[in-house]
């Protein structure tokens, strides 16, 4: 490949990443590096010793925003996130959020340590938030929804909010939104999710429930 061809190829890659800010995170869904991040998250929330640093794979830097979620089936048990993420390296940011997830979601009661075996871990890599004039411009099944008010902000990952109206009610319930819904500042964001296989306890429950 000539020097000119190399420059053209590099330019194409740069343009692709500019068009898709989450391009670096999509391969993690199927690569060992993604499984490593899930192990880091579970170790941090379980108060275990995290994987040794020398074995850590090469990882991209943190995205615009990062979320760690615990769920049981399709029901979210706890979710915390930060924009920007709490550390300059991706594994460190995941570990820091995972350490907060059991007690950091003010929408839900704290997660007991003995619950963790039955919960699934999801890491969500979020792109930059794009302001919208109305929350109803966002499709909550496919897009993330960020609602900001005078007393803070709350984010709903794709599928977490049943409807936009539900998300607005939830924002009001936890004190983020006061006054009319039109006073809220709302944004949409894209997400790439990295999810564990069903936990062993959940697989046992499904097996026991099978006829």
N, C-alpha and C. Protein backbone atom coordinates (compact mmCIF):
# COMPACT_ATOMS: atom_id res chain seq x y z
N UNK A 1 0.86 -1.20 0.00
CA UNK A 1 0.00 0.00 0.00
C UNK A 1 0.89 1.24 0.00
N UNK A 2 0.62 2.17 -0.89
CA UNK A 2 1.42 3.38 -0.98
C UNK A 2 1.10 4.32 0.17
N UNK A 3 1.98 5.34 0.34
CA UNK A 3 1.76 6.31 1.40
C UNK A 3 0.43 7.04 1.20
N UNK A 4 0.09 7.34 -0.05
CA UNK A 4 -1.17 8.02 -0.34
C UNK A 4 -2.36 7.14 0.02
N UNK A 5 -2.27 5.85 -0.33
CA UNK A 5 -3.35 4.92 0.00
C UNK A 5 -3.52 4.78 1.51
N UNK A 6 -2.39 4.78 2.23
CA UNK A 6 -2.45 4.70 3.69
C UNK A 6 -3.16 5.90 4.28
N UNK A 7 -2.83 7.08 3.74
CA UNK A 7 -3.47 8.30 4.24
C UNK A 7 -4.97 8.29 3.96
N UNK A 8 -5.33 7.79 2.77
CA UNK A 8 -6.76 7.71 2.43
C UNK A 8 -7.47 6.74 3.38
N UNK A 9 -6.84 5.58 3.65
CA UNK A 9 -7.45 4.59 4.55
C UNK A 9 -7.62 5.16 5.94
N UNK A 10 -6.60 5.88 6.42
CA UNK A 10 -6.69 6.49 7.75
C UNK A 10 -7.81 7.53 7.78
N UNK A 11 -7.91 8.31 6.71
CA UNK A 11 -8.96 9.32 6.65
C UNK A 11 -10.35 8.70 6.69
N UNK A 12 -10.51 7.55 6.01
CA UNK A 12 -11.80 6.85 6.01
C UNK A 12 -12.13 6.37 7.42
N UNK A 13 -11.14 5.82 8.13
CA UNK A 13 -11.36 5.33 9.49
C UNK A 13 -11.74 6.48 10.43
N UNK A 14 -11.03 7.61 10.29
CA UNK A 14 -11.33 8.77 11.14
C UNK A 14 -12.75 9.26 10.88
N UNK A 15 -13.14 9.32 9.61
CA UNK A 15 -14.48 9.77 9.27
C UNK A 15 -15.53 8.81 9.81
N UNK A 16 -15.25 7.49 9.74
CA UNK A 16 -16.20 6.50 10.25
C UNK A 16 -16.40 6.65 11.75
N UNK A 17 -15.31 6.87 12.48
CA UNK A 17 -15.42 7.03 13.92
C UNK A 17 -16.13 8.34 14.28
N UNK A 18 -15.92 9.37 13.47
CA UNK A 18 -16.63 10.63 13.72
C UNK A 18 -18.13 10.45 13.50
N UNK A 19 -18.49 9.63 12.49
CA UNK A 19 -19.90 9.40 12.21
C UNK A 19 -20.53 8.46 13.23
N UNK A 20 -19.74 7.59 13.84
CA UNK A 20 -20.24 6.63 14.83
C UNK A 20 -19.35 6.70 16.07
N UNK A 21 -19.69 7.55 17.04
CA UNK A 21 -18.84 7.70 18.23
C UNK A 21 -18.72 6.41 19.06
N UNK A 22 -19.59 5.43 18.80
CA UNK A 22 -19.57 4.19 19.57
C UNK A 22 -18.90 3.04 18.82
N UNK A 23 -18.25 3.35 17.70
CA UNK A 23 -17.64 2.30 16.88
C UNK A 23 -16.63 1.47 17.65
N UNK A 24 -15.88 2.09 18.55
CA UNK A 24 -14.83 1.36 19.29
C UNK A 24 -15.41 0.36 20.28
N UNK A 25 -16.68 0.52 20.65
CA UNK A 25 -17.28 -0.33 21.69
C UNK A 25 -18.10 -1.48 21.13
N UNK A 26 -18.49 -1.39 19.87
CA UNK A 26 -19.31 -2.45 19.28
C UNK A 26 -18.59 -3.80 19.27
N UNK A 27 -17.28 -3.88 18.95
CA UNK A 27 -16.61 -5.19 18.96
C UNK A 27 -16.54 -5.83 20.36
N UNK A 28 -16.64 -5.04 21.43
CA UNK A 28 -16.54 -5.60 22.78
C UNK A 28 -17.65 -6.60 23.07
N UNK A 29 -18.76 -6.49 22.33
CA UNK A 29 -19.90 -7.39 22.56
C UNK A 29 -19.51 -8.84 22.28
N UNK A 30 -18.55 -9.06 21.38
CA UNK A 30 -18.19 -10.42 20.99
C UNK A 30 -16.72 -10.76 21.26
N UNK A 31 -15.96 -9.87 21.89
CA UNK A 31 -14.54 -10.10 22.12
C UNK A 31 -14.24 -10.42 23.58
N UNK A 32 -13.12 -11.11 23.86
CA UNK A 32 -12.72 -11.38 25.25
C UNK A 32 -12.61 -10.12 26.10
N UNK A 33 -12.26 -9.00 25.49
CA UNK A 33 -12.15 -7.75 26.24
C UNK A 33 -13.48 -7.38 26.88
N UNK A 34 -14.59 -7.69 26.21
CA UNK A 34 -15.90 -7.42 26.79
C UNK A 34 -16.16 -8.30 28.00
N UNK A 35 -15.79 -9.58 27.90
CA UNK A 35 -15.98 -10.48 29.05
C UNK A 35 -15.11 -10.04 30.22
N UNK A 36 -13.94 -9.50 29.91
CA UNK A 36 -13.06 -8.98 30.96
C UNK A 36 -13.73 -7.83 31.70
N UNK A 37 -14.35 -6.92 30.96
CA UNK A 37 -15.02 -5.78 31.60
C UNK A 37 -16.18 -6.24 32.48
N UNK A 38 -16.93 -7.23 32.03
CA UNK A 38 -18.03 -7.76 32.85
C UNK A 38 -17.48 -8.39 34.13
N UNK A 39 -16.34 -9.07 34.02
CA UNK A 39 -15.72 -9.66 35.21
C UNK A 39 -15.24 -8.58 36.17
N UNK A 40 -14.70 -7.51 35.63
CA UNK A 40 -14.27 -6.38 36.46
C UNK A 40 -15.47 -5.80 37.23
N UNK A 41 -16.59 -5.63 36.51
CA UNK A 41 -17.79 -5.07 37.15
C UNK A 41 -18.30 -5.98 38.25
N UNK A 42 -18.41 -7.26 37.98
CA UNK A 42 -18.94 -8.17 39.00
C UNK A 42 -18.00 -8.25 40.20
N UNK A 43 -16.70 -8.25 39.97
CA UNK A 43 -15.76 -8.29 41.09
C UNK A 43 -15.90 -7.05 41.96
N UNK A 44 -16.07 -5.88 41.31
CA UNK A 44 -16.16 -4.63 42.08
C UNK A 44 -17.42 -4.58 42.93
N UNK A 45 -18.54 -5.05 42.39
CA UNK A 45 -19.79 -4.99 43.16
C UNK A 45 -19.89 -6.12 44.17
N UNK A 46 -19.11 -7.18 43.95
CA UNK A 46 -19.13 -8.31 44.88
C UNK A 46 -18.08 -8.17 45.97
N UNK A 47 -17.28 -7.11 45.91
CA UNK A 47 -16.21 -6.87 46.85
C UNK A 47 -15.13 -7.95 46.76
N UNK A 48 -14.98 -8.53 45.55
CA UNK A 48 -13.92 -9.50 45.30
C UNK A 48 -12.67 -8.79 44.81
N UNK A 49 -11.59 -9.56 44.67
CA UNK A 49 -10.36 -9.00 44.11
C UNK A 49 -10.51 -8.95 42.59
N UNK A 50 -10.33 -7.80 41.96
CA UNK A 50 -10.50 -7.71 40.51
C UNK A 50 -9.42 -8.48 39.77
N UNK A 51 -9.64 -8.77 38.47
CA UNK A 51 -8.63 -9.48 37.69
C UNK A 51 -7.28 -8.75 37.71
N UNK A 52 -6.20 -9.51 37.66
CA UNK A 52 -4.86 -8.93 37.71
C UNK A 52 -4.63 -8.03 36.50
N UNK A 53 -4.01 -6.89 36.74
CA UNK A 53 -3.79 -5.91 35.67
C UNK A 53 -2.98 -6.45 34.50
N UNK A 54 -1.89 -7.29 34.71
CA UNK A 54 -1.09 -7.75 33.57
C UNK A 54 -1.89 -8.54 32.53
N UNK A 55 -3.00 -9.18 32.95
CA UNK A 55 -3.78 -9.97 32.01
C UNK A 55 -4.87 -9.15 31.30
N UNK A 56 -4.97 -7.90 31.65
CA UNK A 56 -6.03 -7.07 31.09
C UNK A 56 -5.79 -6.82 29.60
N UNK A 57 -6.82 -6.96 28.77
CA UNK A 57 -6.65 -6.68 27.34
C UNK A 57 -6.60 -5.19 27.06
N UNK A 58 -6.20 -4.85 25.85
CA UNK A 58 -6.21 -3.44 25.45
C UNK A 58 -7.65 -3.00 25.26
N UNK A 59 -7.97 -1.84 25.81
CA UNK A 59 -9.33 -1.35 25.78
C UNK A 59 -9.38 0.08 25.23
N UNK A 60 -10.49 0.47 24.62
CA UNK A 60 -10.63 1.87 24.19
C UNK A 60 -10.80 2.76 25.42
N UNK A 61 -10.65 4.06 25.25
CA UNK A 61 -10.92 4.99 26.37
C UNK A 61 -12.41 5.00 26.68
N UNK A 62 -12.79 5.54 27.83
CA UNK A 62 -14.22 5.59 28.17
C UNK A 62 -15.02 6.41 27.15
N UNK A 63 -16.30 6.06 26.97
CA UNK A 63 -17.17 6.82 26.06
C UNK A 63 -17.64 8.12 26.70
N UNK A 64 -18.55 8.79 26.03
CA UNK A 64 -19.08 10.05 26.56
C UNK A 64 -19.76 9.84 27.91
N UNK A 65 -20.47 8.73 28.05
CA UNK A 65 -21.13 8.39 29.32
C UNK A 65 -21.12 6.87 29.46
N UNK A 66 -21.16 6.42 30.71
CA UNK A 66 -21.05 4.99 30.99
C UNK A 66 -22.07 4.63 32.06
N UNK A 67 -22.69 3.45 31.90
CA UNK A 67 -23.71 2.99 32.85
C UNK A 67 -23.45 1.53 33.21
N UNK A 68 -23.73 1.18 34.46
CA UNK A 68 -23.68 -0.22 34.91
C UNK A 68 -25.06 -0.54 35.49
N UNK A 69 -25.63 -1.65 35.03
CA UNK A 69 -26.99 -2.03 35.42
C UNK A 69 -27.02 -3.44 35.97
N UNK A 70 -27.87 -3.65 36.96
CA UNK A 70 -28.21 -4.99 37.45
C UNK A 70 -29.68 -5.24 37.12
N UNK A 71 -29.98 -6.40 36.56
CA UNK A 71 -31.36 -6.68 36.19
C UNK A 71 -31.72 -8.13 36.50
N UNK A 72 -33.01 -8.34 36.66
CA UNK A 72 -33.56 -9.69 36.83
C UNK A 72 -34.57 -9.89 35.73
N UNK A 73 -34.23 -10.72 34.74
CA UNK A 73 -35.08 -10.83 33.57
C UNK A 73 -35.09 -9.51 32.83
N UNK A 74 -36.28 -8.99 32.58
CA UNK A 74 -36.40 -7.70 31.88
C UNK A 74 -36.57 -6.54 32.84
N UNK A 75 -36.49 -6.81 34.14
CA UNK A 75 -36.73 -5.77 35.15
C UNK A 75 -35.40 -5.23 35.67
N UNK A 76 -35.22 -3.91 35.61
CA UNK A 76 -34.01 -3.28 36.14
C UNK A 76 -34.08 -3.26 37.66
N UNK A 77 -33.04 -3.79 38.29
CA UNK A 77 -32.97 -3.78 39.75
C UNK A 77 -32.20 -2.57 40.26
N UNK A 78 -31.16 -2.16 39.54
CA UNK A 78 -30.37 -0.98 39.91
C UNK A 78 -29.57 -0.53 38.70
N UNK A 79 -29.37 0.77 38.59
CA UNK A 79 -28.58 1.31 37.48
C UNK A 79 -27.93 2.61 37.92
N UNK A 80 -26.64 2.73 37.66
CA UNK A 80 -25.94 3.99 37.92
C UNK A 80 -25.12 4.35 36.67
N UNK A 81 -24.89 5.62 36.48
CA UNK A 81 -24.11 6.06 35.34
C UNK A 81 -23.45 7.40 35.62
N UNK A 82 -22.54 7.76 34.74
CA UNK A 82 -21.85 9.04 34.93
C UNK A 82 -21.42 9.61 33.59
N UNK A 83 -21.55 10.90 33.46
CA UNK A 83 -21.21 11.64 32.25
C UNK A 83 -20.43 12.88 32.67
N UNK A 84 -19.10 12.89 32.45
CA UNK A 84 -18.27 11.83 31.87
C UNK A 84 -18.00 10.72 32.88
N UNK A 85 -17.49 9.56 32.42
CA UNK A 85 -17.20 8.45 33.33
C UNK A 85 -16.19 8.84 34.41
N UNK A 86 -16.19 8.08 35.54
CA UNK A 86 -15.42 8.49 36.72
C UNK A 86 -13.93 8.18 36.69
N UNK A 87 -13.38 7.66 35.60
CA UNK A 87 -11.95 7.38 35.52
C UNK A 87 -11.50 7.55 34.08
N UNK A 88 -10.19 7.76 33.89
CA UNK A 88 -9.66 8.00 32.55
C UNK A 88 -9.47 6.72 31.76
N UNK A 89 -9.44 5.56 32.43
CA UNK A 89 -9.33 4.29 31.72
C UNK A 89 -10.65 3.53 31.86
N UNK A 90 -10.99 2.73 30.84
CA UNK A 90 -12.31 2.12 30.78
C UNK A 90 -12.54 1.12 31.91
N UNK A 91 -11.57 0.26 32.18
CA UNK A 91 -11.73 -0.73 33.25
C UNK A 91 -11.90 -0.05 34.60
N UNK A 92 -11.13 1.00 34.84
CA UNK A 92 -11.25 1.74 36.10
C UNK A 92 -12.60 2.42 36.23
N UNK A 93 -13.12 2.96 35.12
CA UNK A 93 -14.43 3.61 35.16
C UNK A 93 -15.53 2.59 35.43
N UNK A 94 -15.44 1.41 34.79
CA UNK A 94 -16.43 0.36 35.02
C UNK A 94 -16.39 -0.09 36.48
N UNK A 95 -15.19 -0.30 37.02
CA UNK A 95 -15.07 -0.74 38.41
C UNK A 95 -15.63 0.30 39.38
N UNK A 96 -15.37 1.58 39.12
CA UNK A 96 -15.85 2.63 40.01
C UNK A 96 -17.37 2.69 40.03
N UNK A 97 -18.00 2.56 38.87
CA UNK A 97 -19.46 2.59 38.82
C UNK A 97 -20.06 1.31 39.42
N UNK A 98 -19.44 0.17 39.13
CA UNK A 98 -19.95 -1.09 39.66
C UNK A 98 -19.91 -1.10 41.18
N UNK A 99 -18.91 -0.46 41.76
CA UNK A 99 -18.82 -0.39 43.22
C UNK A 99 -19.95 0.44 43.82
N UNK A 100 -20.57 1.31 43.01
CA UNK A 100 -21.66 2.17 43.49
C UNK A 100 -23.05 1.60 43.23
N UNK A 101 -23.15 0.63 42.31
CA UNK A 101 -24.47 0.27 41.78
C UNK A 101 -25.40 -0.33 42.84
N UNK A 102 -24.87 -1.02 43.83
CA UNK A 102 -25.75 -1.68 44.80
C UNK A 102 -26.53 -0.67 45.64
N UNK A 103 -25.95 0.52 45.87
CA UNK A 103 -26.64 1.50 46.73
C UNK A 103 -26.80 2.86 46.07
N UNK A 104 -26.34 3.02 44.83
CA UNK A 104 -26.30 4.35 44.22
C UNK A 104 -27.50 4.73 43.40
N UNK A 105 -28.46 3.82 43.20
CA UNK A 105 -29.65 4.15 42.41
C UNK A 105 -30.74 4.63 43.35
N UNK A 106 -30.97 5.94 43.36
CA UNK A 106 -31.92 6.50 44.32
C UNK A 106 -33.37 6.21 43.95
N UNK A 107 -33.61 5.63 42.79
CA UNK A 107 -34.97 5.27 42.39
C UNK A 107 -35.41 3.95 43.02
N UNK A 108 -34.46 3.15 43.53
CA UNK A 108 -34.77 1.81 43.97
C UNK A 108 -34.06 1.51 45.29
N UNK A 109 -34.57 0.55 46.07
CA UNK A 109 -33.91 0.19 47.32
C UNK A 109 -32.55 -0.45 47.05
N UNK A 110 -31.62 -0.37 48.02
CA UNK A 110 -30.29 -0.95 47.83
C UNK A 110 -30.34 -2.45 47.52
N UNK A 111 -29.36 -2.90 46.77
CA UNK A 111 -29.26 -4.32 46.40
C UNK A 111 -28.44 -5.04 47.48
N UNK A 112 -29.00 -6.11 48.01
CA UNK A 112 -28.29 -6.90 49.01
C UNK A 112 -27.20 -7.73 48.34
N UNK A 113 -26.14 -8.00 49.07
CA UNK A 113 -25.04 -8.78 48.54
C UNK A 113 -25.52 -10.16 48.10
N UNK A 114 -26.46 -10.74 48.86
CA UNK A 114 -26.92 -12.09 48.52
C UNK A 114 -27.85 -12.10 47.30
N UNK A 115 -28.23 -10.95 46.78
CA UNK A 115 -29.04 -10.88 45.56
C UNK A 115 -28.20 -11.01 44.30
N UNK A 116 -26.93 -10.70 44.39
CA UNK A 116 -26.11 -10.55 43.20
C UNK A 116 -26.08 -11.81 42.34
N UNK A 117 -26.12 -12.97 42.97
CA UNK A 117 -26.03 -14.22 42.22
C UNK A 117 -27.19 -14.38 41.24
N UNK A 118 -28.32 -13.75 41.53
CA UNK A 118 -29.50 -13.90 40.68
C UNK A 118 -29.68 -12.73 39.71
N UNK A 119 -28.75 -11.80 39.69
CA UNK A 119 -28.88 -10.61 38.85
C UNK A 119 -27.88 -10.64 37.71
N UNK A 120 -28.28 -10.05 36.60
CA UNK A 120 -27.42 -9.99 35.41
C UNK A 120 -26.78 -8.61 35.32
N UNK A 121 -25.51 -8.57 34.96
CA UNK A 121 -24.77 -7.32 34.82
C UNK A 121 -24.79 -6.86 33.37
N UNK A 122 -25.08 -5.59 33.16
CA UNK A 122 -25.00 -4.98 31.83
C UNK A 122 -24.17 -3.71 31.93
N UNK A 123 -23.26 -3.54 30.99
CA UNK A 123 -22.49 -2.31 30.87
C UNK A 123 -22.97 -1.60 29.61
N UNK A 124 -23.32 -0.34 29.72
CA UNK A 124 -23.82 0.43 28.58
C UNK A 124 -22.85 1.55 28.25
N UNK A 125 -22.40 1.58 27.01
CA UNK A 125 -21.51 2.63 26.50
C UNK A 125 -22.39 3.62 25.75
N UNK A 126 -22.44 4.85 26.20
CA UNK A 126 -23.36 5.83 25.63
C UNK A 126 -22.62 6.89 24.83
N UNK A 127 -23.21 7.27 23.71
CA UNK A 127 -22.65 8.33 22.90
C UNK A 127 -23.06 9.70 23.41
N UNK A 128 -22.61 10.75 22.77
CA UNK A 128 -22.96 12.12 23.21
C UNK A 128 -24.46 12.34 23.19
N UNK A 129 -24.96 13.09 24.16
CA UNK A 129 -26.39 13.39 24.24
C UNK A 129 -26.74 14.47 23.20
N UNK A 130 -27.85 14.25 22.52
CA UNK A 130 -28.33 15.20 21.50
C UNK A 130 -29.61 15.86 22.01
N UNK A 131 -29.58 17.15 22.32
CA UNK A 131 -30.78 17.82 22.84
C UNK A 131 -31.96 17.72 21.87
N UNK A 132 -33.15 17.57 22.44
CA UNK A 132 -34.39 17.57 21.65
C UNK A 132 -35.34 18.58 22.26
N UNK A 133 -36.26 19.07 21.46
CA UNK A 133 -37.20 20.07 21.97
C UNK A 133 -38.22 19.46 22.90
N UNK A 134 -38.56 18.20 22.68
CA UNK A 134 -39.54 17.52 23.52
C UNK A 134 -39.10 16.09 23.76
N UNK A 135 -39.33 15.59 24.96
CA UNK A 135 -39.00 14.20 25.26
C UNK A 135 -39.73 13.25 24.34
N UNK A 136 -40.87 13.66 23.82
CA UNK A 136 -41.69 12.79 22.98
C UNK A 136 -41.08 12.59 21.59
N UNK A 137 -39.97 13.27 21.30
CA UNK A 137 -39.23 13.02 20.06
C UNK A 137 -38.38 11.76 20.17
N UNK A 138 -38.19 11.26 21.39
CA UNK A 138 -37.31 10.12 21.65
C UNK A 138 -38.12 8.83 21.63
N UNK A 139 -37.56 7.78 21.02
CA UNK A 139 -38.16 6.46 21.06
C UNK A 139 -37.50 5.70 22.21
N UNK A 140 -38.16 5.55 23.37
CA UNK A 140 -37.51 4.97 24.55
C UNK A 140 -37.19 3.49 24.41
N UNK A 141 -37.75 2.83 23.39
CA UNK A 141 -37.41 1.44 23.17
C UNK A 141 -36.09 1.26 22.45
N UNK A 142 -35.66 2.26 21.70
CA UNK A 142 -34.43 2.15 20.91
C UNK A 142 -33.36 3.16 21.30
N UNK A 143 -33.74 4.24 21.97
CA UNK A 143 -32.80 5.31 22.28
C UNK A 143 -32.77 5.56 23.79
N UNK A 144 -31.63 6.07 24.26
CA UNK A 144 -31.56 6.53 25.63
C UNK A 144 -32.23 7.89 25.76
N UNK A 145 -32.81 8.15 26.93
CA UNK A 145 -33.48 9.43 27.19
C UNK A 145 -32.89 10.04 28.45
N UNK A 146 -32.39 11.26 28.32
CA UNK A 146 -31.83 12.01 29.44
C UNK A 146 -32.78 13.16 29.77
N UNK A 147 -33.20 13.22 31.03
CA UNK A 147 -34.09 14.29 31.49
C UNK A 147 -33.35 15.10 32.54
N UNK A 148 -33.27 16.41 32.36
CA UNK A 148 -32.57 17.30 33.28
C UNK A 148 -33.54 18.35 33.81
N UNK A 149 -33.48 18.58 35.11
CA UNK A 149 -34.30 19.59 35.74
C UNK A 149 -33.48 20.45 36.67
N UNK A 150 -34.14 21.28 37.43
CA UNK A 150 -33.44 22.20 38.33
C UNK A 150 -32.70 21.46 39.43
N UNK A 151 -33.12 20.24 39.76
CA UNK A 151 -32.53 19.52 40.89
C UNK A 151 -31.72 18.29 40.48
N UNK A 152 -31.31 18.22 39.21
CA UNK A 152 -30.46 17.11 38.80
C UNK A 152 -30.89 16.54 37.46
N UNK A 153 -30.49 15.30 37.24
CA UNK A 153 -30.76 14.64 35.96
C UNK A 153 -30.99 13.16 36.20
N UNK A 154 -31.68 12.53 35.26
CA UNK A 154 -31.87 11.09 35.31
C UNK A 154 -31.85 10.58 33.87
N UNK A 155 -31.21 9.44 33.68
CA UNK A 155 -31.11 8.84 32.35
C UNK A 155 -31.85 7.51 32.33
N UNK A 156 -32.50 7.22 31.21
CA UNK A 156 -33.17 5.95 31.00
C UNK A 156 -32.54 5.30 29.77
N UNK A 157 -32.01 4.10 29.96
CA UNK A 157 -31.41 3.38 28.85
C UNK A 157 -32.51 2.83 27.94
N UNK A 158 -32.17 2.48 26.69
CA UNK A 158 -33.19 1.95 25.79
C UNK A 158 -33.92 0.75 26.41
N UNK A 159 -35.24 0.81 26.40
CA UNK A 159 -36.04 -0.27 26.95
C UNK A 159 -36.33 -0.15 28.43
N UNK A 160 -35.61 0.72 29.15
CA UNK A 160 -35.83 0.86 30.59
C UNK A 160 -37.13 1.61 30.87
N UNK A 161 -37.41 2.63 30.09
CA UNK A 161 -38.65 3.39 30.25
C UNK A 161 -39.73 2.75 29.37
N UNK A 162 -40.89 2.47 29.97
CA UNK A 162 -41.97 1.86 29.20
C UNK A 162 -42.47 2.82 28.12
N UNK A 163 -42.62 4.07 28.49
CA UNK A 163 -43.03 5.11 27.56
C UNK A 163 -42.35 6.41 28.00
N UNK A 164 -42.40 7.43 27.15
CA UNK A 164 -41.86 8.73 27.53
C UNK A 164 -42.66 9.30 28.71
N UNK A 165 -43.97 9.12 28.69
CA UNK A 165 -44.80 9.62 29.80
C UNK A 165 -44.39 8.97 31.12
N UNK A 166 -44.09 7.67 31.08
CA UNK A 166 -43.63 6.97 32.29
C UNK A 166 -42.31 7.56 32.78
N UNK A 167 -41.37 7.83 31.85
CA UNK A 167 -40.08 8.39 32.22
C UNK A 167 -40.24 9.76 32.87
N UNK A 168 -41.13 10.57 32.33
CA UNK A 168 -41.37 11.89 32.91
C UNK A 168 -41.97 11.77 34.31
N UNK A 169 -42.89 10.83 34.49
CA UNK A 169 -43.45 10.63 35.84
C UNK A 169 -42.39 10.16 36.81
N UNK A 170 -41.50 9.30 36.35
CA UNK A 170 -40.43 8.80 37.21
C UNK A 170 -39.47 9.93 37.57
N UNK A 171 -39.16 10.79 36.61
CA UNK A 171 -38.30 11.94 36.88
C UNK A 171 -38.93 12.86 37.91
N UNK A 172 -40.23 13.00 37.84
CA UNK A 172 -40.94 13.82 38.82
C UNK A 172 -40.94 13.15 40.20
N UNK A 173 -41.13 11.82 40.21
CA UNK A 173 -41.20 11.09 41.48
C UNK A 173 -39.91 11.23 42.29
N UNK A 174 -38.76 11.21 41.61
CA UNK A 174 -37.49 11.28 42.34
C UNK A 174 -36.99 12.71 42.51
N UNK A 175 -37.78 13.69 42.07
CA UNK A 175 -37.45 15.08 42.34
C UNK A 175 -36.62 15.78 41.29
N UNK A 176 -36.31 15.12 40.17
CA UNK A 176 -35.55 15.78 39.11
C UNK A 176 -36.41 16.80 38.40
N UNK A 177 -37.66 16.46 38.17
CA UNK A 177 -38.56 17.31 37.41
C UNK A 177 -39.57 17.96 38.34
N UNK A 178 -39.64 19.29 38.27
CA UNK A 178 -40.64 20.06 39.01
C UNK A 178 -41.36 20.95 38.01
N UNK A 179 -42.61 21.26 38.28
CA UNK A 179 -43.34 22.10 37.35
C UNK A 179 -43.76 21.32 36.12
N UNK A 180 -44.15 22.00 35.05
CA UNK A 180 -44.64 21.31 33.85
C UNK A 180 -43.55 20.51 33.15
N UNK A 181 -43.96 19.45 32.46
CA UNK A 181 -43.00 18.61 31.73
C UNK A 181 -42.23 19.42 30.70
N UNK A 182 -42.86 20.45 30.16
CA UNK A 182 -42.21 21.26 29.13
C UNK A 182 -40.98 22.00 29.67
N UNK A 183 -40.87 22.11 31.00
CA UNK A 183 -39.73 22.81 31.58
C UNK A 183 -38.47 21.94 31.62
N UNK A 184 -38.62 20.64 31.40
CA UNK A 184 -37.47 19.73 31.45
C UNK A 184 -36.60 19.91 30.21
N UNK A 185 -35.29 19.77 30.40
CA UNK A 185 -34.36 19.71 29.27
C UNK A 185 -34.14 18.24 28.95
N UNK A 186 -34.39 17.86 27.72
CA UNK A 186 -34.34 16.45 27.34
C UNK A 186 -33.36 16.23 26.20
N UNK A 187 -32.74 15.05 26.20
CA UNK A 187 -31.80 14.68 25.15
C UNK A 187 -31.97 13.21 24.84
N UNK A 188 -31.58 12.83 23.64
CA UNK A 188 -31.50 11.42 23.26
C UNK A 188 -30.04 11.03 23.15
N UNK A 189 -29.74 9.75 23.34
CA UNK A 189 -28.37 9.28 23.14
C UNK A 189 -28.41 7.83 22.67
N UNK A 190 -27.38 7.46 21.89
CA UNK A 190 -27.25 6.09 21.41
C UNK A 190 -26.45 5.27 22.42
N UNK A 191 -26.66 3.97 22.40
CA UNK A 191 -26.05 3.08 23.40
C UNK A 191 -25.60 1.78 22.74
N UNK A 192 -24.45 1.28 23.17
CA UNK A 192 -24.01 -0.09 22.90
C UNK A 192 -23.99 -0.81 24.24
N UNK A 193 -24.64 -1.97 24.31
CA UNK A 193 -24.73 -2.69 25.59
C UNK A 193 -23.95 -3.99 25.55
N UNK A 194 -23.33 -4.27 26.67
CA UNK A 194 -22.54 -5.47 26.88
C UNK A 194 -23.17 -6.20 28.07
N UNK A 195 -23.70 -7.40 27.85
CA UNK A 195 -24.51 -8.06 28.87
C UNK A 195 -23.99 -9.45 29.18
N UNK A 196 -24.01 -9.80 30.47
CA UNK A 196 -23.65 -11.14 30.90
C UNK A 196 -24.65 -12.17 30.39
N UNK A 197 -24.20 -13.42 30.34
CA UNK A 197 -25.15 -14.52 30.20
C UNK A 197 -25.98 -14.59 31.48
N UNK A 198 -27.10 -15.28 31.43
CA UNK A 198 -27.96 -15.38 32.61
C UNK A 198 -27.17 -15.95 33.78
N UNK A 199 -27.26 -15.33 34.96
CA UNK A 199 -26.54 -15.84 36.14
C UNK A 199 -26.96 -17.27 36.47
N UNK A 200 -26.08 -18.00 37.14
CA UNK A 200 -26.35 -19.41 37.47
C UNK A 200 -27.65 -19.56 38.25
N UNK A 201 -27.90 -18.67 39.20
CA UNK A 201 -29.11 -18.78 40.01
C UNK A 201 -30.36 -18.59 39.16
N UNK A 202 -30.28 -17.66 38.19
CA UNK A 202 -31.43 -17.44 37.32
C UNK A 202 -31.67 -18.65 36.43
N UNK A 203 -30.60 -19.29 35.95
CA UNK A 203 -30.76 -20.48 35.12
C UNK A 203 -31.39 -21.61 35.92
N UNK A 204 -31.01 -21.74 37.20
CA UNK A 204 -31.60 -22.78 38.04
C UNK A 204 -33.09 -22.52 38.24
N UNK A 205 -33.46 -21.22 38.46
CA UNK A 205 -34.87 -20.89 38.65
C UNK A 205 -35.68 -21.22 37.41
N UNK A 206 -35.12 -20.91 36.20
CA UNK A 206 -35.83 -21.19 34.96
C UNK A 206 -35.99 -22.69 34.78
N UNK A 207 -34.93 -23.45 35.14
CA UNK A 207 -34.99 -24.90 35.00
C UNK A 207 -36.03 -25.49 35.95
N UNK A 208 -36.09 -25.00 37.17
CA UNK A 208 -37.05 -25.50 38.16
C UNK A 208 -38.49 -25.20 37.73
N UNK A 209 -38.67 -24.04 37.04
CA UNK A 209 -40.01 -23.64 36.64
C UNK A 209 -40.48 -24.36 35.38
N UNK A 210 -39.55 -24.99 34.63
CA UNK A 210 -39.93 -25.66 33.40
C UNK A 210 -40.77 -26.90 33.70
N UNK A 211 -41.78 -27.20 32.86
CA UNK A 211 -42.62 -28.38 33.11
C UNK A 211 -41.86 -29.68 32.90
